[in-house]
Amino acid sequence: MVLTCFQCDDAACMRACPVEALVRDGDTGAVVLVAERCIRCGACEAACPFGHLVLHPRDHLPLKCDLCGGDPACAAFCPTRTLEYR
């Protein structure tokens, strides 16, 4: 089963970030990372109530769905069209 970011309206990961490295993309509505701001503290990972945000094992930057810039690959490749982007 694939679990991905719910792009929460009131995103706990965004609220937990002390340097505002997670921001809302104005075009897609996705919560995205501004890597230059990230201090790799892990607060965002700890804050996600669903466990859908993890830190990369090598660089410790947050890994999460960013909706592929508005054209999510998971929806494009879903063979049954169960996933769709609206």
C-alpha atoms as a PDB file:
ATOM      1  CA  MET A   1       0.000   0.000   0.000  1.00  0.00           C
ATOM      2  CA  VAL A   2       1.365   3.390  -0.940  1.00  0.00           C
ATOM      3  CA  LEU A   3       0.920   6.194   1.566  1.00  0.00           C
ATOM      4  CA  THR A   4       1.458   9.757   0.502  1.00  0.00           C
ATOM      5  CA  CYS A   5       1.090  13.242   1.889  1.00  0.00           C
ATOM      6  CA  PHE A   6      -2.487  14.408   2.373  1.00  0.00           C
ATOM      7  CA  GLN A   7      -1.467  18.059   1.785  1.00  0.00           C
ATOM      8  CA  CYS A   8      -3.370  18.959   4.967  1.00  0.00           C
ATOM      9  CA  ASP A   9      -5.145  22.323   5.079  1.00  0.00           C
ATOM     10  CA  ASP A  10      -3.637  22.986   8.501  1.00  0.00           C
ATOM     11  CA  ALA A  11      -0.376  21.089   7.968  1.00  0.00           C
ATOM     12  CA  ALA A  12       1.312  20.116  11.225  1.00  0.00           C
ATOM     13  CA  CYS A  13       4.648  19.749   9.414  1.00  0.00           C
ATOM     14  CA  MET A  14       4.505  23.375   8.285  1.00  0.00           C
ATOM     15  CA  ARG A  15       3.585  24.608  11.765  1.00  0.00           C
ATOM     16  CA  ALA A  16       6.407  22.585  13.346  1.00  0.00           C
ATOM     17  CA  CYS A  17       9.150  23.922  11.093  1.00  0.00           C
ATOM     18  CA  PRO A  18      11.128  26.586  12.982  1.00  0.00           C
ATOM     19  CA  VAL A  19      12.567  28.124   9.788  1.00  0.00           C
ATOM     20  CA  GLU A  20       9.525  27.989   7.468  1.00  0.00           C
ATOM     21  CA  ALA A  21      11.233  25.540   5.106  1.00  0.00           C
ATOM     22  CA  LEU A  22       7.885  23.924   4.284  1.00  0.00           C
ATOM     23  CA  VAL A  23       5.579  26.248   2.392  1.00  0.00           C
ATOM     24  CA  ARG A  24       2.343  26.005   0.412  1.00  0.00           C
ATOM     25  CA  ASP A  25       2.783  26.108  -3.381  1.00  0.00           C
ATOM     26  CA  GLY A  26       0.411  28.767  -4.707  1.00  0.00           C
ATOM     27  CA  ASP A  27      -0.259  26.913  -7.952  1.00  0.00           C
ATOM     28  CA  THR A  28      -0.717  23.312  -6.792  1.00  0.00           C
ATOM     29  CA  GLY A  29      -1.637  23.773  -3.132  1.00  0.00           C
ATOM     30  CA  ALA A  30       1.008  21.216  -2.180  1.00  0.00           C
ATOM     31  CA  VAL A  31       3.245  21.613   0.843  1.00  0.00           C
ATOM     32  CA  VAL A  32       6.744  21.836  -0.630  1.00  0.00           C
ATOM     33  CA  LEU A  33      10.254  22.066   0.741  1.00  0.00           C
ATOM     34  CA  VAL A  34      12.507  25.092   0.336  1.00  0.00           C
ATOM     35  CA  ALA A  35      15.696  23.075   0.844  1.00  0.00           C
ATOM     36  CA  GLU A  36      17.939  26.119   1.336  1.00  0.00           C
ATOM     37  CA  ARG A  37      16.020  27.022   4.499  1.00  0.00           C
ATOM     38  CA  CYS A  38      15.922  23.530   6.013  1.00  0.00           C
ATOM     39  CA  ILE A  39      18.112  22.970   9.089  1.00  0.00           C
ATOM     40  CA  ARG A  40      17.399  19.202   9.119  1.00  0.00           C
ATOM     41  CA  CYS A  41      16.002  19.217  12.653  1.00  0.00           C
ATOM     42  CA  GLY A  42      13.334  16.574  12.031  1.00  0.00           C
ATOM     43  CA  ALA A  43      10.503  18.554  13.629  1.00  0.00           C
ATOM     44  CA  CYS A  44       8.370  18.140  10.496  1.00  0.00           C
ATOM     45  CA  GLU A  45       8.761  14.361  10.529  1.00  0.00           C
ATOM     46  CA  ALA A  46       7.818  14.179  14.191  1.00  0.00           C
ATOM     47  CA  ALA A  47       4.811  16.457  13.655  1.00  0.00           C
ATOM     48  CA  CYS A  48       3.142  14.545  10.805  1.00  0.00           C
ATOM     49  CA  PRO A  49       0.266  12.664  12.465  1.00  0.00           C
ATOM     50  CA  PHE A  50       0.096  10.211   9.555  1.00  0.00           C
ATOM     51  CA  GLY A  51       3.798   9.351   9.247  1.00  0.00           C
ATOM     52  CA  HIS A  52       3.808  10.376   5.596  1.00  0.00           C
ATOM     53  CA  LEU A  53       6.855  12.626   5.841  1.00  0.00           C
ATOM     54  CA  VAL A  54      10.250  11.043   6.423  1.00  0.00           C
ATOM     55  CA  LEU A  55      13.817  12.284   6.403  1.00  0.00           C
ATOM     56  CA  HIS A  56      16.169  11.113   3.683  1.00  0.00           C
ATOM     57  CA  PRO A  57      18.622   8.645   5.241  1.00  0.00           C
ATOM     58  CA  ARG A  58      21.728  10.405   3.864  1.00  0.00           C
ATOM     59  CA  ASP A  59      21.047  14.137   3.692  1.00  0.00           C
ATOM     60  CA  HIS A  60      18.239  14.251   6.303  1.00  0.00           C
ATOM     61  CA  LEU A  61      16.073  16.523   4.163  1.00  0.00           C
ATOM     62  CA  PRO A  62      12.327  15.895   4.382  1.00  0.00           C
ATOM     63  CA  LEU A  63      10.912  13.570   1.731  1.00  0.00           C
ATOM     64  CA  LYS A  64       7.245  14.086   0.937  1.00  0.00           C
ATOM     65  CA  CYS A  65       4.867  14.230  -1.980  1.00  0.00           C
ATOM     66  CA  ASP A  66       4.946  17.592  -3.751  1.00  0.00           C
ATOM     67  CA  LEU A  67       2.351  16.618  -6.407  1.00  0.00           C
ATOM     68  CA  CYS A  68       5.137  16.594  -9.026  1.00  0.00           C
ATOM     69  CA  GLY A  69       4.562  20.266  -9.731  1.00  0.00           C
ATOM     70  CA  GLY A  70       0.879  19.712 -10.553  1.00  0.00           C
ATOM     71  CA  ASP A  71       1.261  16.599 -12.709  1.00  0.00           C
ATOM     72  CA  PRO A  72       1.578  13.724 -10.212  1.00  0.00           C
ATOM     73  CA  ALA A  73       3.335  10.728 -11.725  1.00  0.00           C
ATOM     74  CA  CYS A  74       1.440   8.298  -9.484  1.00  0.00           C
ATOM     75  CA  ALA A  75      -1.887   9.377 -11.014  1.00  0.00           C
ATOM     76  CA  ALA A  76      -0.500   9.300 -14.540  1.00  0.00           C
ATOM     77  CA  PHE A  77       0.799   5.749 -14.152  1.00  0.00           C
ATOM     78  CA  CYS A  78      -2.085   4.241 -12.147  1.00  0.00           C
ATOM     79  CA  PRO A  79      -3.298   1.373 -14.386  1.00  0.00           C
ATOM     80  CA  THR A  80      -6.821   1.327 -12.938  1.00  0.00           C
ATOM     81  CA  ARG A  81      -7.198   5.128 -12.742  1.00  0.00           C
ATOM     82  CA  THR A  82      -7.955   4.759  -9.035  1.00  0.00           C
ATOM     83  CA  LEU A  83      -5.644   7.702  -8.410  1.00  0.00           C
ATOM     84  CA  GLU A  84      -6.539  10.989 -10.008  1.00  0.00           C
ATOM     85  CA  TYR A  85      -5.471  14.580  -9.564  1.00  0.00           C
ATOM     86  CA  ARG A  86      -8.201  17.223  -9.424  1.00  0.00           C
END
